[in-house]
Amino acid sequence: MNYFTLPLEQWTNDFVYEWLIPVMGGFFDSISAIIGFFINGVADIFTWIPAEVMAIVLILLAWRFAGKGIAVFTLVGTLYLGSVNLWEDAMLTLAVVIVATLFSIIIGIPLGIMAAKSRTLDNIVRPILDFMQTLPSFVYLIPAILLFGLGEVPAVISTFVFATPPAVRMTALAIKQVPTDMVEAAKAFGSTPWQMLVKVQLPVAVPTIMAGVNQTIMLALSMAVIASMIGSPGLGTTVLAGISSVNVGLGLVGGLGIVVLAIILDRITQGLGERKR
């Protein structure tokens, strides 16, 4: 029996190779240059700052926002990263995570606010976010490599795609959960929509929004190993080298480095959200 075969593969390849790359190639090159400028600048700053100074800054941040216990853990964690010669790799990973998270916040939070205020936009954005979260990360690594080449830029792009949905969802949820009596009181006092957003809704929603930022950072860090497969520097390359050579010890060293960095960032952002609450 002959069945109809949908030529999706051929359609996709024709679209990408015959139109997208020839027509939009210059645009993607410009995007790549902008992102590369940011990521290289942040990476240069982090690697230029002496390790001792950077460690003290992280310890002070942990103490300020997460307490003495996390400050002690940060001290031990930074000593571990230095003792196994992973400090520079950790800073490169941190740079990728910060740039990807920054882009996710810049796009995700305003989009979440608009989705909370417009049911139509919310209905449009929700399936797109579901698609971004459920699509296997290895699938969108292919167009990232094709459009942006190898290195830090496609790593930031793929990390952005993977980590942005929590920022959008949590922001929309936070705005929707602002008590209606506060909104009505603001309306009664003659607040404009902009004043209501800036002076009532956002201040109340900040803790939940920070929880979304925390999830975004964690998801960005979880992409470290996958991003290393497309040339992203950092701790993921150590884990990937351990996998490639079946070196359990090397994989454990790199994996613990990612865990240390993840816990430090997680506790600091959690503490910041609690203080805002």
C-alpha atoms as a PDB file:
ATOM      1  CA  MET A   1       0.000   0.000   0.000  1.00  0.00           C
ATOM      2  CA  ASN A   2       1.342   3.415  -0.931  1.00  0.00           C
ATOM      3  CA  TYR A   3       1.114   6.084   1.715  1.00  0.00           C
ATOM      4  CA  PHE A   4       1.444   9.808   1.247  1.00  0.00           C
ATOM      5  CA  THR A   5       4.855  10.977   2.394  1.00  0.00           C
ATOM      6  CA  LEU A   6       5.139  14.505   3.726  1.00  0.00           C
ATOM      7  CA  PRO A   7       8.422  15.950   2.370  1.00  0.00           C
ATOM      8  CA  LEU A   8       9.074  18.035   5.488  1.00  0.00           C
ATOM      9  CA  GLU A   9      12.811  17.346   5.408  1.00  0.00           C
ATOM     10  CA  GLN A  10      13.095  18.547   1.810  1.00  0.00           C
ATOM     11  CA  TRP A  11      10.950  21.616   2.454  1.00  0.00           C
ATOM     12  CA  THR A  12      13.047  22.550   5.476  1.00  0.00           C
ATOM     13  CA  ASN A  13      16.346  22.122   3.628  1.00  0.00           C
ATOM     14  CA  ASP A  14      15.087  24.110   0.651  1.00  0.00           C
ATOM     15  CA  PHE A  15      13.930  26.922   2.924  1.00  0.00           C
ATOM     16  CA  VAL A  16      17.207  27.058   4.855  1.00  0.00           C
ATOM     17  CA  TYR A  17      19.722  26.597   2.031  1.00  0.00           C
ATOM     18  CA  GLU A  18      17.908  28.351  -0.810  1.00  0.00           C
ATOM     19  CA  TRP A  19      16.334  31.305   1.006  1.00  0.00           C
ATOM     20  CA  LEU A  20      17.268  31.766   4.673  1.00  0.00           C
ATOM     21  CA  ILE A  21      21.054  31.643   4.380  1.00  0.00           C
ATOM     22  CA  PRO A  22      21.402  33.496   1.018  1.00  0.00           C
ATOM     23  CA  VAL A  23      18.892  36.218   1.928  1.00  0.00           C
ATOM     24  CA  MET A  24      19.319  36.566   5.712  1.00  0.00           C
ATOM     25  CA  GLY A  25      22.987  35.621   6.016  1.00  0.00           C
ATOM     26  CA  GLY A  26      24.111  39.213   6.537  1.00  0.00           C
ATOM     27  CA  PHE A  27      21.537  39.750   9.270  1.00  0.00           C
ATOM     28  CA  PHE A  28      22.681  36.661  11.171  1.00  0.00           C
ATOM     29  CA  ASP A  29      26.308  37.762  10.779  1.00  0.00           C
ATOM     30  CA  SER A  30      25.407  41.095  12.386  1.00  0.00           C
ATOM     31  CA  ILE A  31      23.624  39.352  15.267  1.00  0.00           C
ATOM     32  CA  SER A  32      26.635  37.079  15.696  1.00  0.00           C
ATOM     33  CA  ALA A  33      28.989  40.063  15.832  1.00  0.00           C
ATOM     34  CA  ILE A  34      26.881  41.824  18.478  1.00  0.00           C
ATOM     35  CA  ILE A  35      26.562  38.745  20.694  1.00  0.00           C
ATOM     36  CA  GLY A  36      30.246  37.933  20.188  1.00  0.00           C
ATOM     37  CA  PHE A  37      31.180  41.435  21.313  1.00  0.00           C
ATOM     38  CA  PHE A  38      29.165  41.052  24.528  1.00  0.00           C
ATOM     39  CA  ILE A  39      30.334  37.552  25.381  1.00  0.00           C
ATOM     40  CA  ASN A  40      33.993  38.311  24.662  1.00  0.00           C
ATOM     41  CA  GLY A  41      33.822  41.510  26.701  1.00  0.00           C
ATOM     42  CA  VAL A  42      32.293  39.784  29.731  1.00  0.00           C
ATOM     43  CA  ALA A  43      34.692  36.837  29.431  1.00  0.00           C
ATOM     44  CA  ASP A  44      37.687  39.185  29.199  1.00  0.00           C
ATOM     45  CA  ILE A  45      36.562  41.050  32.319  1.00  0.00           C
ATOM     46  CA  PHE A  46      36.031  37.862  34.341  1.00  0.00           C
ATOM     47  CA  THR A  47      39.369  36.366  33.309  1.00  0.00           C
ATOM     48  CA  TRP A  48      41.193  39.693  33.772  1.00  0.00           C
ATOM     49  CA  ILE A  49      40.029  40.142  37.366  1.00  0.00           C
ATOM     50  CA  PRO A  50      42.415  38.257  39.695  1.00  0.00           C
ATOM     51  CA  ALA A  51      40.952  34.998  40.945  1.00  0.00           C
ATOM     52  CA  GLU A  52      41.349  36.080  44.573  1.00  0.00           C
ATOM     53  CA  VAL A  53      39.393  39.293  43.990  1.00  0.00           C
ATOM     54  CA  MET A  54      36.621  37.496  42.092  1.00  0.00           C
ATOM     55  CA  ALA A  55      36.384  34.854  44.823  1.00  0.00           C
ATOM     56  CA  ILE A  56      36.056  37.553  47.503  1.00  0.00           C
ATOM     57  CA  VAL A  57      33.299  39.258  45.489  1.00  0.00           C
ATOM     58  CA  LEU A  58      31.364  35.975  45.189  1.00  0.00           C
ATOM     59  CA  ILE A  59      31.814  35.260  48.909  1.00  0.00           C
ATOM     60  CA  LEU A  60      30.586  38.728  49.868  1.00  0.00           C
ATOM     61  CA  LEU A  61      27.573  38.408  47.567  1.00  0.00           C
ATOM     62  CA  ALA A  62      26.759  35.008  49.055  1.00  0.00           C
ATOM     63  CA  TRP A  63      27.094  36.391  52.595  1.00  0.00           C
ATOM     64  CA  ARG A  64      24.979  39.443  51.790  1.00  0.00           C
ATOM     65  CA  PHE A  65      22.105  37.639  50.071  1.00  0.00           C
ATOM     66  CA  ALA A  66      22.245  33.993  51.217  1.00  0.00           C
ATOM     67  CA  GLY A  67      23.840  33.948  54.662  1.00  0.00           C
ATOM     68  CA  LYS A  68      27.024  32.748  56.309  1.00  0.00           C
ATOM     69  CA  GLY A  69      26.526  29.089  55.430  1.00  0.00           C
ATOM     70  CA  ILE A  70      26.471  29.736  51.684  1.00  0.00           C
ATOM     71  CA  ALA A  71      29.383  32.162  52.095  1.00  0.00           C
ATOM     72  CA  VAL A  72      31.425  29.328  53.627  1.00  0.00           C
ATOM     73  CA  PHE A  73      30.336  27.006  50.802  1.00  0.00           C
ATOM     74  CA  THR A  74      31.355  29.667  48.257  1.00  0.00           C
ATOM     75  CA  LEU A  75      34.771  29.896  49.910  1.00  0.00           C
ATOM     76  CA  VAL A  76      35.231  26.125  49.724  1.00  0.00           C
ATOM     77  CA  GLY A  77      33.847  26.008  46.178  1.00  0.00           C
ATOM     78  CA  THR A  78      36.153  28.717  44.856  1.00  0.00           C
ATOM     79  CA  LEU A  79      39.115  27.012  46.529  1.00  0.00           C
ATOM     80  CA  TYR A  80      38.087  23.783  44.790  1.00  0.00           C
ATOM     81  CA  LEU A  81      37.894  25.471  41.377  1.00  0.00           C
ATOM     82  CA  GLY A  82      41.340  26.936  41.859  1.00  0.00           C
ATOM     83  CA  SER A  83      42.888  23.735  43.214  1.00  0.00           C
ATOM     84  CA  VAL A  84      41.845  21.662  40.165  1.00  0.00           C
ATOM     85  CA  ASN A  85      42.843  24.378  37.652  1.00  0.00           C
ATOM     86  CA  LEU A  86      39.276  25.078  36.566  1.00  0.00           C
ATOM     87  CA  TRP A  87      39.017  28.708  37.569  1.00  0.00           C
ATOM     88  CA  GLU A  88      39.384  30.143  34.057  1.00  0.00           C
ATOM     89  CA  ASP A  89      36.947  27.582  32.648  1.00  0.00           C
ATOM     90  CA  ALA A  90      34.486  28.486  35.413  1.00  0.00           C
ATOM     91  CA  MET A  91      34.733  32.170  34.520  1.00  0.00           C
ATOM     92  CA  LEU A  92      34.144  31.423  30.825  1.00  0.00           C
ATOM     93  CA  THR A  93      31.084  29.354  31.732  1.00  0.00           C
ATOM     94  CA  LEU A  94      29.878  32.147  34.012  1.00  0.00           C
ATOM     95  CA  ALA A  95      30.275  34.642  31.163  1.00  0.00           C
ATOM     96  CA  VAL A  96      28.153  32.522  28.795  1.00  0.00           C
ATOM     97  CA  VAL A  97      25.503  32.027  31.475  1.00  0.00           C
ATOM     98  CA  ILE A  98      25.341  35.731  32.371  1.00  0.00           C
ATOM     99  CA  VAL A  99      25.070  36.912  28.756  1.00  0.00           C
ATOM    100  CA  ALA A 100      22.432  34.292  27.885  1.00  0.00           C
ATOM    101  CA  THR A 101      20.501  35.087  31.075  1.00  0.00           C
ATOM    102  CA  LEU A 102      20.708  38.818  30.363  1.00  0.00           C
ATOM    103  CA  PHE A 103      19.201  38.339  26.903  1.00  0.00           C
ATOM    104  CA  SER A 104      16.538  36.041  28.371  1.00  0.00           C
ATOM    105  CA  ILE A 105      15.594  38.674  30.964  1.00  0.00           C
ATOM    106  CA  ILE A 106      15.591  41.572  28.489  1.00  0.00           C
ATOM    107  CA  ILE A 107      13.216  39.707  26.177  1.00  0.00           C
ATOM    108  CA  GLY A 108      11.422  37.397  28.619  1.00  0.00           C
ATOM    109  CA  ILE A 109      10.257  39.823  31.311  1.00  0.00           C
ATOM    110  CA  PRO A 110       8.660  42.425  28.987  1.00  0.00           C
ATOM    111  CA  LEU A 111       7.082  39.602  26.977  1.00  0.00           C
ATOM    112  CA  GLY A 112       5.713  38.081  30.182  1.00  0.00           C
ATOM    113  CA  ILE A 113       4.244  41.433  31.222  1.00  0.00           C
ATOM    114  CA  MET A 114       2.535  41.860  27.861  1.00  0.00           C
ATOM    115  CA  ALA A 115       1.258  38.264  27.950  1.00  0.00           C
ATOM    116  CA  ALA A 116      -0.240  38.874  31.398  1.00  0.00           C
ATOM    117  CA  LYS A 117      -2.140  41.896  30.125  1.00  0.00           C
ATOM    118  CA  SER A 118      -3.290  40.443  26.788  1.00  0.00           C
ATOM    119  CA  ARG A 119      -5.139  37.132  26.616  1.00  0.00           C
ATOM    120  CA  THR A 120      -4.607  37.006  22.843  1.00  0.00           C
ATOM    121  CA  LEU A 121      -0.851  37.380  23.173  1.00  0.00           C
ATOM    122  CA  ASP A 122      -0.835  34.859  26.007  1.00  0.00           C
ATOM    123  CA  ASN A 123      -2.598  32.312  23.792  1.00  0.00           C
ATOM    124  CA  ILE A 124      -0.020  32.929  21.057  1.00  0.00           C
ATOM    125  CA  VAL A 125       3.047  32.833  23.296  1.00  0.00           C
ATOM    126  CA  ARG A 126       2.108  29.773  25.364  1.00  0.00           C
ATOM    127  CA  PRO A 127       2.448  27.134  22.590  1.00  0.00           C
ATOM    128  CA  ILE A 128       5.683  28.753  21.432  1.00  0.00           C
ATOM    129  CA  LEU A 129       7.104  28.435  24.956  1.00  0.00           C
ATOM    130  CA  ASP A 130       5.912  24.822  25.103  1.00  0.00           C
ATOM    131  CA  PHE A 131       7.710  24.178  21.818  1.00  0.00           C
ATOM    132  CA  MET A 132      10.917  25.816  23.084  1.00  0.00           C
ATOM    133  CA  GLN A 133      10.881  23.763  26.291  1.00  0.00           C
ATOM    134  CA  THR A 134       9.985  20.380  24.815  1.00  0.00           C
ATOM    135  CA  LEU A 135      12.100  20.457  21.648  1.00  0.00           C
ATOM    136  CA  PRO A 136      15.285  18.449  22.323  1.00  0.00           C
ATOM    137  CA  SER A 137      18.256  20.763  22.686  1.00  0.00           C
ATOM    138  CA  PHE A 138      20.292  18.823  20.134  1.00  0.00           C
ATOM    139  CA  VAL A 139      17.702  19.687  17.476  1.00  0.00           C
ATOM    140  CA  TYR A 140      18.129  23.449  17.658  1.00  0.00           C
ATOM    141  CA  LEU A 141      21.905  23.097  17.924  1.00  0.00           C
ATOM    142  CA  ILE A 142      21.855  22.267  14.201  1.00  0.00           C
ATOM    143  CA  PRO A 143      20.420  25.615  12.995  1.00  0.00           C
ATOM    144  CA  ALA A 144      22.490  27.445  15.615  1.00  0.00           C
ATOM    145  CA  ILE A 145      25.668  25.985  14.123  1.00  0.00           C
ATOM    146  CA  LEU A 146      24.441  26.558  10.572  1.00  0.00           C
ATOM    147  CA  LEU A 147      23.532  30.216  11.103  1.00  0.00           C
ATOM    148  CA  PHE A 148      26.148  31.308  13.647  1.00  0.00           C
ATOM    149  CA  GLY A 149      29.052  28.865  13.231  1.00  0.00           C
ATOM    150  CA  LEU A 150      30.945  27.309  16.129  1.00  0.00           C
ATOM    151  CA  GLY A 151      31.964  28.914  19.419  1.00  0.00           C
ATOM    152  CA  GLU A 152      30.392  31.044  22.087  1.00  0.00           C
ATOM    153  CA  VAL A 153      27.728  32.729  19.927  1.00  0.00           C
ATOM    154  CA  PRO A 154      25.703  29.616  19.000  1.00  0.00           C
ATOM    155  CA  ALA A 155      26.118  28.471  22.606  1.00  0.00           C
ATOM    156  CA  VAL A 156      24.514  31.699  23.842  1.00  0.00           C
ATOM    157  CA  ILE A 157      21.739  31.428  21.232  1.00  0.00           C
ATOM    158  CA  SER A 158      20.900  27.809  22.096  1.00  0.00           C
ATOM    159  CA  THR A 159      21.095  28.565  25.821  1.00  0.00           C
ATOM    160  CA  PHE A 160      18.792  31.550  25.322  1.00  0.00           C
ATOM    161  CA  VAL A 161      16.197  29.398  23.530  1.00  0.00           C
ATOM    162  CA  PHE A 162      16.355  26.777  26.275  1.00  0.00           C
ATOM    163  CA  ALA A 163      16.342  29.136  29.266  1.00  0.00           C
ATOM    164  CA  THR A 164      13.936  31.934  28.274  1.00  0.00           C
ATOM    165  CA  PRO A 165      10.526  30.217  28.817  1.00  0.00           C
ATOM    166  CA  PRO A 166      10.711  30.279  32.667  1.00  0.00           C
ATOM    167  CA  ALA A 167      11.354  34.025  32.626  1.00  0.00           C
ATOM    168  CA  VAL A 168       8.279  34.611  30.452  1.00  0.00           C
ATOM    169  CA  ARG A 169       6.008  32.205  32.337  1.00  0.00           C
ATOM    170  CA  MET A 170       6.954  33.335  35.839  1.00  0.00           C
ATOM    171  CA  THR A 171       6.661  37.021  34.936  1.00  0.00           C
ATOM    172  CA  ALA A 172       3.191  36.522  33.465  1.00  0.00           C
ATOM    173  CA  LEU A 173       2.164  34.485  36.506  1.00  0.00           C
ATOM    174  CA  ALA A 174       3.538  37.119  38.881  1.00  0.00           C
ATOM    175  CA  ILE A 175       1.604  39.953  37.223  1.00  0.00           C
ATOM    176  CA  LYS A 176      -1.606  37.910  37.154  1.00  0.00           C
ATOM    177  CA  GLN A 177      -1.280  37.070  40.861  1.00  0.00           C
ATOM    178  CA  VAL A 178      -1.128  40.683  42.032  1.00  0.00           C
ATOM    179  CA  PRO A 179      -4.134  41.063  44.404  1.00  0.00           C
ATOM    180  CA  THR A 180      -7.101  42.615  42.677  1.00  0.00           C
ATOM    181  CA  ASP A 181      -7.833  44.886  45.649  1.00  0.00           C
ATOM    182  CA  MET A 182      -4.437  46.552  45.184  1.00  0.00           C
ATOM    183  CA  VAL A 183      -5.142  47.052  41.483  1.00  0.00           C
ATOM    184  CA  GLU A 184      -8.575  48.469  42.204  1.00  0.00           C
ATOM    185  CA  ALA A 185      -7.151  50.802  44.840  1.00  0.00           C
ATOM    186  CA  ALA A 186      -4.585  52.076  42.368  1.00  0.00           C
ATOM    187  CA  LYS A 187      -7.321  52.676  39.804  1.00  0.00           C
ATOM    188  CA  ALA A 188      -9.384  54.503  42.402  1.00  0.00           C
ATOM    189  CA  PHE A 189      -6.514  56.884  43.041  1.00  0.00           C
ATOM    190  CA  GLY A 190      -6.284  57.627  39.316  1.00  0.00           C
ATOM    191  CA  SER A 191      -3.176  55.687  38.425  1.00  0.00           C
ATOM    192  CA  THR A 192      -2.348  55.418  34.748  1.00  0.00           C
ATOM    193  CA  PRO A 193      -1.594  51.917  33.347  1.00  0.00           C
ATOM    194  CA  TRP A 194       2.132  52.728  33.410  1.00  0.00           C
ATOM    195  CA  GLN A 195       2.007  53.957  37.030  1.00  0.00           C
ATOM    196  CA  MET A 196       0.039  50.876  38.054  1.00  0.00           C
ATOM    197  CA  LEU A 197       2.625  48.607  36.434  1.00  0.00           C
ATOM    198  CA  VAL A 198       5.702  50.362  37.820  1.00  0.00           C
ATOM    199  CA  LYS A 199       4.438  51.330  41.288  1.00  0.00           C
ATOM    200  CA  VAL A 200       2.012  48.499  42.140  1.00  0.00           C
ATOM    201  CA  GLN A 201       2.262  45.363  40.024  1.00  0.00           C
ATOM    202  CA  LEU A 202       6.020  45.058  39.486  1.00  0.00           C
ATOM    203  CA  PRO A 203       7.012  45.691  43.130  1.00  0.00           C
ATOM    204  CA  VAL A 204       4.555  43.024  44.277  1.00  0.00           C
ATOM    205  CA  ALA A 205       5.607  40.633  41.502  1.00  0.00           C
ATOM    206  CA  VAL A 206       9.388  40.963  41.978  1.00  0.00           C
ATOM    207  CA  PRO A 207       9.847  37.845  44.198  1.00  0.00           C
ATOM    208  CA  THR A 208       8.096  35.589  41.677  1.00  0.00           C
ATOM    209  CA  ILE A 209       9.951  37.216  38.794  1.00  0.00           C
ATOM    210  CA  MET A 210      13.223  36.567  40.620  1.00  0.00           C
ATOM    211  CA  ALA A 211      12.213  32.915  40.955  1.00  0.00           C
ATOM    212  CA  GLY A 212      11.894  32.865  37.163  1.00  0.00           C
ATOM    213  CA  VAL A 213      15.328  34.459  36.815  1.00  0.00           C
ATOM    214  CA  ASN A 214      16.702  31.797  39.153  1.00  0.00           C
ATOM    215  CA  GLN A 215      15.234  29.043  36.974  1.00  0.00           C
ATOM    216  CA  THR A 216      16.626  30.729  33.872  1.00  0.00           C
ATOM    217  CA  ILE A 217      20.136  30.739  35.341  1.00  0.00           C
ATOM    218  CA  MET A 218      19.876  27.076  36.344  1.00  0.00           C
ATOM    219  CA  LEU A 219      18.685  26.050  32.890  1.00  0.00           C
ATOM    220  CA  ALA A 220      21.483  28.080  31.307  1.00  0.00           C
ATOM    221  CA  LEU A 221      24.034  26.253  33.436  1.00  0.00           C
ATOM    222  CA  SER A 222      22.494  22.908  32.542  1.00  0.00           C
ATOM    223  CA  MET A 223      23.335  23.687  28.906  1.00  0.00           C
ATOM    224  CA  ALA A 224      27.059  24.007  29.672  1.00  0.00           C
ATOM    225  CA  VAL A 225      27.980  20.471  28.605  1.00  0.00           C
ATOM    226  CA  ILE A 226      25.715  20.484  25.551  1.00  0.00           C
ATOM    227  CA  ALA A 227      27.027  23.893  24.462  1.00  0.00           C
ATOM    228  CA  SER A 228      30.590  22.596  24.694  1.00  0.00           C
ATOM    229  CA  MET A 229      29.760  20.236  21.823  1.00  0.00           C
ATOM    230  CA  ILE A 230      29.488  23.242  19.503  1.00  0.00           C
ATOM    231  CA  GLY A 231      32.687  24.901  20.631  1.00  0.00           C
ATOM    232  CA  SER A 232      31.631  26.813  23.726  1.00  0.00           C
ATOM    233  CA  PRO A 233      34.526  27.154  26.190  1.00  0.00           C
ATOM    234  CA  GLY A 234      34.182  26.503  29.885  1.00  0.00           C
ATOM    235  CA  LEU A 235      33.551  23.721  32.331  1.00  0.00           C
ATOM    236  CA  GLY A 236      31.517  21.769  29.790  1.00  0.00           C
ATOM    237  CA  THR A 237      34.646  21.121  27.724  1.00  0.00           C
ATOM    238  CA  THR A 238      36.224  19.346  30.695  1.00  0.00           C
ATOM    239  CA  VAL A 239      33.193  17.097  31.104  1.00  0.00           C
ATOM    240  CA  LEU A 240      33.069  16.489  27.355  1.00  0.00           C
ATOM    241  CA  ALA A 241      36.758  15.549  27.353  1.00  0.00           C
ATOM    242  CA  GLY A 242      36.079  13.087  30.164  1.00  0.00           C
ATOM    243  CA  ILE A 243      33.207  11.560  28.201  1.00  0.00           C
ATOM    244  CA  SER A 244      35.238  11.334  24.995  1.00  0.00           C
ATOM    245  CA  SER A 245      38.184   9.622  26.705  1.00  0.00           C
ATOM    246  CA  VAL A 246      36.047   7.601  29.149  1.00  0.00           C
ATOM    247  CA  ASN A 247      37.953   9.338  31.945  1.00  0.00           C
ATOM    248  CA  VAL A 248      35.698   9.107  34.996  1.00  0.00           C
ATOM    249  CA  GLY A 249      37.947  11.266  37.148  1.00  0.00           C
ATOM    250  CA  LEU A 250      38.117  14.097  34.613  1.00  0.00           C
ATOM    251  CA  GLY A 251      34.356  14.017  34.138  1.00  0.00           C
ATOM    252  CA  LEU A 252      33.852  14.138  37.922  1.00  0.00           C
ATOM    253  CA  VAL A 253      36.222  17.095  38.285  1.00  0.00           C
ATOM    254  CA  GLY A 254      34.389  19.105  35.620  1.00  0.00           C
ATOM    255  CA  GLY A 255      30.955  18.014  36.816  1.00  0.00           C
ATOM    256  CA  LEU A 256      31.668  19.097  40.388  1.00  0.00           C
ATOM    257  CA  GLY A 257      32.815  22.443  39.041  1.00  0.00           C
ATOM    258  CA  ILE A 258      29.446  22.961  37.338  1.00  0.00           C
ATOM    259  CA  VAL A 259      27.642  21.882  40.518  1.00  0.00           C
ATOM    260  CA  VAL A 260      29.632  24.347  42.630  1.00  0.00           C
ATOM    261  CA  LEU A 261      28.904  27.215  40.247  1.00  0.00           C
ATOM    262  CA  ALA A 262      25.230  26.258  40.030  1.00  0.00           C
ATOM    263  CA  ILE A 263      24.741  26.143  43.807  1.00  0.00           C
ATOM    264  CA  ILE A 264      26.465  29.498  44.320  1.00  0.00           C
ATOM    265  CA  LEU A 265      24.370  31.253  41.675  1.00  0.00           C
ATOM    266  CA  ASP A 266      21.189  29.495  42.804  1.00  0.00           C
ATOM    267  CA  ARG A 267      21.531  30.509  46.447  1.00  0.00           C
ATOM    268  CA  ILE A 268      22.501  34.094  45.643  1.00  0.00           C
ATOM    269  CA  THR A 269      19.530  34.641  43.320  1.00  0.00           C
ATOM    270  CA  GLN A 270      17.189  32.869  45.754  1.00  0.00           C
ATOM    271  CA  GLY A 271      18.417  35.091  48.549  1.00  0.00           C
ATOM    272  CA  LEU A 272      17.920  38.173  46.405  1.00  0.00           C
ATOM    273  CA  GLY A 273      14.333  37.117  45.683  1.00  0.00           C
ATOM    274  CA  GLU A 274      13.636  36.543  49.379  1.00  0.00           C
ATOM    275  CA  ARG A 275      14.997  39.978  50.275  1.00  0.00           C
ATOM    276  CA  LYS A 276      12.739  41.531  47.644  1.00  0.00           C
ATOM    277  CA  ARG A 277       9.809  39.662  49.175  1.00  0.00           C
END
